[in-house]
């Protein structure tokens, strides 16, 4: 399926703290929504928002519906998130730019509880006070071809600075771009594990889909359905400066020597 066609191969070194869940053999994924049947009626255009940002709703009926569904906003968001494996995944870009961007910190010194934090663009205490390096992330809406069931599905793709830079360069490439070029598809996979994980990005032409992937180019109907599922709201909630300053104080406090009475030395 993955032929010897000319490749434009890019790699990205990644922080294992953010991709540690990808280590080991690819996990089987169960996709339960955003599939499009060529014979079905055209989907109505819904108002899609980040599932992590629903307004609070009171009442036991609401609670019972949530419990009965066996799902949470975190689970819904996690299901939308594209998980890259060692096997190539075929993508179709749905927008020509990221719909959200942010920077993240993984605080290795925290041994329990939450360890990942999203900082503000300017004045981040973890950057300024501790000189921690942040991972830059761009977030894209993409269509993903599910080979197991032969359908296209809407997903959210989070990429680091290197892959984001390559996507931007591809967008401005007069020969292959822009990202919304109807003839442009992408094949993405990863190699290595942990600190040695790298992501590989290869362009695929629509005319090669039949030979290389055994499928025709995406239909207008399916493409419209995917566009109806794009996310537009903030993908990751930024950590407050107060929260980040508390982490800084905690880490700096833990680094102070003890005075022998269980107190930090002045």
Protein backbone atom coordinates (compact mmCIF):
# COMPACT_ATOMS: atom_id res chain seq x y z
CA UNK A 1 0.00 0.00 0.00
CA UNK A 2 2.81 2.39 0.85
CA UNK A 3 4.71 2.39 -2.45
CA UNK A 4 8.09 3.64 -3.55
CA UNK A 5 6.62 6.84 -4.97
CA UNK A 6 8.83 9.97 -4.68
CA UNK A 7 8.64 11.14 -1.11
CA UNK A 8 9.01 14.51 0.54
CA UNK A 9 10.06 13.27 3.93
CA UNK A 10 10.13 15.44 7.03
CA UNK A 11 10.87 14.48 10.62
CA UNK A 12 10.18 16.01 14.00
CA UNK A 13 12.00 15.28 17.23
CA UNK A 14 9.41 15.15 19.98
CA UNK A 15 9.29 15.45 23.73
CA UNK A 16 8.44 12.00 25.09
CA UNK A 17 6.46 13.63 27.84
CA UNK A 18 3.88 14.73 25.29
CA UNK A 19 4.01 11.62 23.14
CA UNK A 20 4.74 8.94 25.70
CA UNK A 21 1.30 7.47 25.19
CA UNK A 22 2.29 6.71 21.60
CA UNK A 23 5.17 4.40 22.55
CA UNK A 24 4.93 0.70 21.83
CA UNK A 25 2.81 -0.99 19.19
CA UNK A 26 -0.03 1.06 17.71
CA UNK A 27 -3.22 0.69 19.68
CA UNK A 28 -6.41 -0.34 17.96
CA UNK A 29 -8.63 2.68 17.55
CA UNK A 30 -12.41 2.53 17.61
CA UNK A 31 -13.91 5.39 15.62
CA UNK A 32 -17.52 6.09 16.44
CA UNK A 33 -18.39 9.36 14.76
CA UNK A 34 -17.69 11.80 11.93
CA UNK A 35 -17.94 9.03 9.30
CA UNK A 36 -19.51 9.77 5.97
CA UNK A 37 -21.48 7.33 3.80
CA UNK A 38 -21.52 8.25 0.12
CA UNK A 39 -25.16 7.05 -0.14
CA UNK A 40 -26.48 8.88 2.91
CA UNK A 41 -28.39 12.14 2.87
CA UNK A 42 -26.20 15.27 3.12
CA UNK A 43 -25.49 16.06 6.77
CA UNK A 44 -26.95 19.16 8.36
CA UNK A 45 -24.38 21.74 9.32
CA UNK A 46 -24.10 21.67 13.12
CA UNK A 47 -22.42 24.16 15.39
CA UNK A 48 -19.26 22.35 16.49
CA UNK A 49 -17.32 23.54 19.48
CA UNK A 50 -14.50 22.19 21.54
CA UNK A 51 -16.12 19.47 23.70
CA UNK A 52 -13.95 20.59 26.62
CA UNK A 53 -15.69 23.99 26.70
CA UNK A 54 -19.39 23.21 27.22
CA UNK A 55 -21.30 25.59 29.49
CA UNK A 56 -22.30 24.18 32.85
CA UNK A 57 -25.80 22.68 33.01
CA UNK A 58 -27.53 21.93 36.27
CA UNK A 59 -30.06 19.26 37.21
CA UNK A 60 -30.14 15.50 37.76
CA UNK A 61 -31.53 14.82 34.28
CA UNK A 62 -28.37 16.24 32.77
CA UNK A 63 -26.27 14.16 35.14
CA UNK A 64 -28.16 10.96 34.27
CA UNK A 65 -27.72 11.57 30.54
CA UNK A 66 -23.99 12.00 30.97
CA UNK A 67 -23.63 8.92 33.14
CA UNK A 68 -25.83 6.88 30.81
CA UNK A 69 -23.72 7.84 27.83
CA UNK A 70 -20.64 6.42 29.52
CA UNK A 71 -18.57 9.31 28.22
CA UNK A 72 -17.08 12.59 29.35
CA UNK A 73 -15.97 15.75 27.58
CA UNK A 74 -12.38 14.58 28.02
CA UNK A 75 -13.19 11.27 26.36
CA UNK A 76 -14.95 12.99 23.48
CA UNK A 77 -12.02 15.30 22.94
CA UNK A 78 -9.53 12.46 23.18
CA UNK A 79 -11.49 10.55 20.55
CA UNK A 80 -11.21 13.51 18.19
CA UNK A 81 -7.45 13.71 18.68
CA UNK A 82 -5.47 12.11 15.84
CA UNK A 83 -3.09 9.43 17.07
CA UNK A 84 -0.19 8.82 14.68
CA UNK A 85 1.15 5.27 14.57
CA UNK A 86 4.11 3.56 12.95
CA UNK A 87 1.87 2.67 10.01
CA UNK A 88 1.18 5.41 7.42
CA UNK A 89 -2.06 7.35 7.85
CA UNK A 90 -3.65 9.18 4.91
CA UNK A 91 -4.79 12.74 5.63
CA UNK A 92 -6.64 15.53 3.84
CA UNK A 93 -6.17 19.02 5.21
CA UNK A 94 -9.48 20.78 5.93
CA UNK A 95 -8.03 24.24 6.61
CA UNK A 96 -5.03 26.13 5.30
CA UNK A 97 -3.86 27.25 8.76
CA UNK A 98 -4.03 25.99 12.36
CA UNK A 99 -7.25 26.84 14.18
CA UNK A 100 -5.37 27.06 17.48
CA UNK A 101 -1.76 27.32 18.66
CA UNK A 102 -0.26 27.14 22.14
CA UNK A 103 2.86 26.20 24.07
CA UNK A 104 3.06 23.44 26.65
CA UNK A 105 5.31 22.49 29.53
CA UNK A 106 5.86 19.04 30.98
CA UNK A 107 7.05 19.45 34.58
CA UNK A 108 9.19 16.41 35.21
CA UNK A 109 9.72 17.28 38.86
CA UNK A 110 6.03 16.76 39.66
CA UNK A 111 5.73 13.07 40.50
CA UNK A 112 1.96 12.78 40.91
CA UNK A 113 -1.15 14.45 39.56
CA UNK A 114 -1.16 16.86 36.66
CA UNK A 115 2.21 17.41 35.01
CA UNK A 116 1.31 19.09 31.70
CA UNK A 117 0.53 22.82 31.59
CA UNK A 118 -0.32 25.28 28.83
CA UNK A 119 1.27 28.68 29.26
CA UNK A 120 0.30 32.15 27.97
CA UNK A 121 2.02 33.52 24.87
CA UNK A 122 3.79 36.17 26.96
CA UNK A 123 4.76 36.31 30.60
CA UNK A 124 4.77 32.57 31.27
CA UNK A 125 6.23 31.98 34.78
CA UNK A 126 7.63 28.57 33.80
CA UNK A 127 9.48 30.19 30.88
CA UNK A 128 10.54 33.38 32.65
CA UNK A 129 11.28 32.22 36.20
CA UNK A 130 12.49 28.67 35.65
CA UNK A 131 13.73 29.06 32.06
CA UNK A 132 11.87 25.90 31.05
CA UNK A 133 11.71 25.29 27.34
CA UNK A 134 8.19 25.02 25.99
CA UNK A 135 6.88 22.77 23.26
CA UNK A 136 5.18 24.83 20.54
CA UNK A 137 2.00 23.24 19.19
CA UNK A 138 -0.19 24.03 16.18
CA UNK A 139 -3.63 22.41 15.90
CA UNK A 140 -5.26 21.53 12.56
CA UNK A 141 -8.57 20.10 11.38
CA UNK A 142 -7.95 17.13 9.09
CA UNK A 143 -9.80 14.34 7.38
CA UNK A 144 -8.35 10.89 8.12
CA UNK A 145 -8.91 7.83 5.96
CA UNK A 146 -9.80 4.80 8.09
CA UNK A 147 -8.57 1.84 6.06
CA UNK A 148 -10.23 -0.67 8.38
CA UNK A 149 -13.74 0.45 7.43
CA UNK A 150 -13.06 2.43 4.26
CA UNK A 151 -14.38 5.81 5.39
CA UNK A 152 -13.11 9.33 5.96
CA UNK A 153 -13.35 10.74 9.50
CA UNK A 154 -12.83 14.20 10.97
CA UNK A 155 -9.97 14.50 13.45
CA UNK A 156 -7.85 17.13 15.21
CA UNK A 157 -4.11 16.95 14.53
CA UNK A 158 -1.68 18.47 17.04
CA UNK A 159 1.80 19.02 15.62
CA UNK A 160 5.05 20.39 16.99
CA UNK A 161 6.99 23.34 15.63
CA UNK A 162 9.01 21.38 13.07
CA UNK A 163 6.06 19.69 11.38
CA UNK A 164 4.06 22.94 11.60
CA UNK A 165 6.91 24.69 9.82
CA UNK A 166 6.92 22.07 7.08
CA UNK A 167 3.17 22.41 6.64
CA UNK A 168 3.54 26.18 6.34
CA UNK A 169 6.28 25.74 3.75
CA UNK A 170 4.11 23.27 1.84
CA UNK A 171 1.24 25.74 1.92
CA UNK A 172 3.36 28.36 0.13
CA UNK A 173 4.98 25.87 -2.27
CA UNK A 174 3.95 26.95 -5.79
CA UNK A 175 4.31 23.42 -7.14
CA UNK A 176 2.57 21.36 -4.44
CA UNK A 177 0.61 23.86 -2.33
CA UNK A 178 -1.54 25.31 -0.99
CA UNK A 179 -2.67 22.99 1.80
CA UNK A 180 -6.22 23.06 0.43
CA UNK A 181 -5.07 22.02 -3.04
CA UNK A 182 -7.70 19.43 -4.11
CA UNK A 183 -4.94 17.22 -5.51
CA UNK A 184 -2.89 17.26 -2.28
CA UNK A 185 -3.03 14.52 0.35
CA UNK A 186 -0.56 13.65 3.12
CA UNK A 187 0.74 10.37 4.47
CA UNK A 188 2.02 10.57 8.04
CA UNK A 189 3.70 8.03 10.31
CA UNK A 190 6.18 7.91 13.16
CA UNK A 191 9.34 5.96 13.86
CA UNK A 192 11.20 5.32 17.10
CA UNK A 193 9.94 5.63 20.64
CA UNK A 194 10.40 8.01 23.55
CA UNK A 195 13.09 10.62 22.95
CA UNK A 196 13.90 8.99 19.61
CA UNK A 197 10.39 9.44 18.19
CA UNK A 198 10.30 11.15 14.82
CA UNK A 199 7.33 12.06 12.63
CA UNK A 200 7.47 11.65 8.86
CA UNK A 201 5.36 13.65 6.44
CA UNK A 202 4.97 12.68 2.77
CA UNK A 203 2.89 14.32 0.07
CA UNK A 204 0.52 12.16 -1.99
CA UNK A 205 -1.09 13.24 -5.26
CA UNK A 206 -4.76 12.56 -5.86
CA UNK A 207 -3.93 10.76 -9.11
CA UNK A 208 -1.79 8.26 -7.16
CA UNK A 209 -4.45 7.31 -4.61
CA UNK A 210 -5.79 4.45 -6.71
CA UNK A 211 -2.41 2.78 -7.17
CA UNK A 212 -0.95 3.54 -3.75
CA UNK A 213 -3.99 3.39 -1.46
CA UNK A 214 -6.64 1.63 -3.53
CA UNK A 215 -9.17 4.46 -3.18
CA UNK A 216 -10.49 7.28 -5.39
CA UNK A 217 -10.02 10.94 -4.50
CA UNK A 218 -12.35 12.18 -1.81
CA UNK A 219 -15.82 13.06 -3.12
CA UNK A 220 -17.37 16.49 -2.83
CA UNK A 221 -20.13 15.04 -0.63
CA UNK A 222 -17.67 13.46 1.82
CA UNK A 223 -15.47 16.55 1.83
CA UNK A 224 -18.46 18.72 2.69
CA UNK A 225 -19.37 16.39 5.55
CA UNK A 226 -15.86 16.66 6.97
CA UNK A 227 -15.95 20.45 6.73
CA UNK A 228 -19.16 20.42 8.74
CA UNK A 229 -17.25 18.76 11.59
CA UNK A 230 -14.32 21.15 11.96
CA UNK A 231 -13.44 22.49 15.39
CA UNK A 232 -13.13 26.26 15.77
CA UNK A 233 -12.80 27.01 19.47
CA UNK A 234 -9.72 27.05 21.68
CA UNK A 235 -8.43 23.48 21.83
CA UNK A 236 -6.41 23.64 25.07
CA UNK A 237 -7.39 25.74 28.06
CA UNK A 238 -4.43 27.91 29.07
CA UNK A 239 -3.24 27.47 32.64
CA UNK A 240 -3.71 30.66 34.65
CA UNK A 241 -0.66 32.68 35.64
CA UNK A 242 -1.63 32.16 39.28
CA UNK A 243 -1.56 28.40 38.75
CA UNK A 244 1.80 28.57 36.99
CA UNK A 245 3.27 30.87 39.64
CA UNK A 246 2.15 28.37 42.27
CA UNK A 247 4.10 25.66 40.45
CA UNK A 248 7.18 27.87 40.32
CA UNK A 249 6.95 28.62 44.05
CA UNK A 250 6.46 24.95 44.82
CA UNK A 251 9.47 23.87 42.76
CA UNK A 252 11.71 26.65 44.09
CA UNK A 253 10.59 25.85 47.63
CA UNK A 254 11.37 22.17 47.23
CA UNK A 255 14.84 23.08 46.03
CA UNK A 256 15.66 24.98 49.24
CA UNK A 257 17.66 23.10 51.88
CA UNK A 258 15.97 21.98 55.09
CA UNK A 259 17.07 23.71 58.32
CA UNK A 260 16.91 20.43 60.27
CA UNK A 261 13.49 21.15 61.81
CA UNK A 262 11.42 20.39 58.72
CA UNK A 263 11.53 24.02 57.62
CA UNK A 264 13.16 25.59 54.59
CA UNK A 265 16.35 27.43 55.41
CA UNK A 266 16.20 31.17 54.93
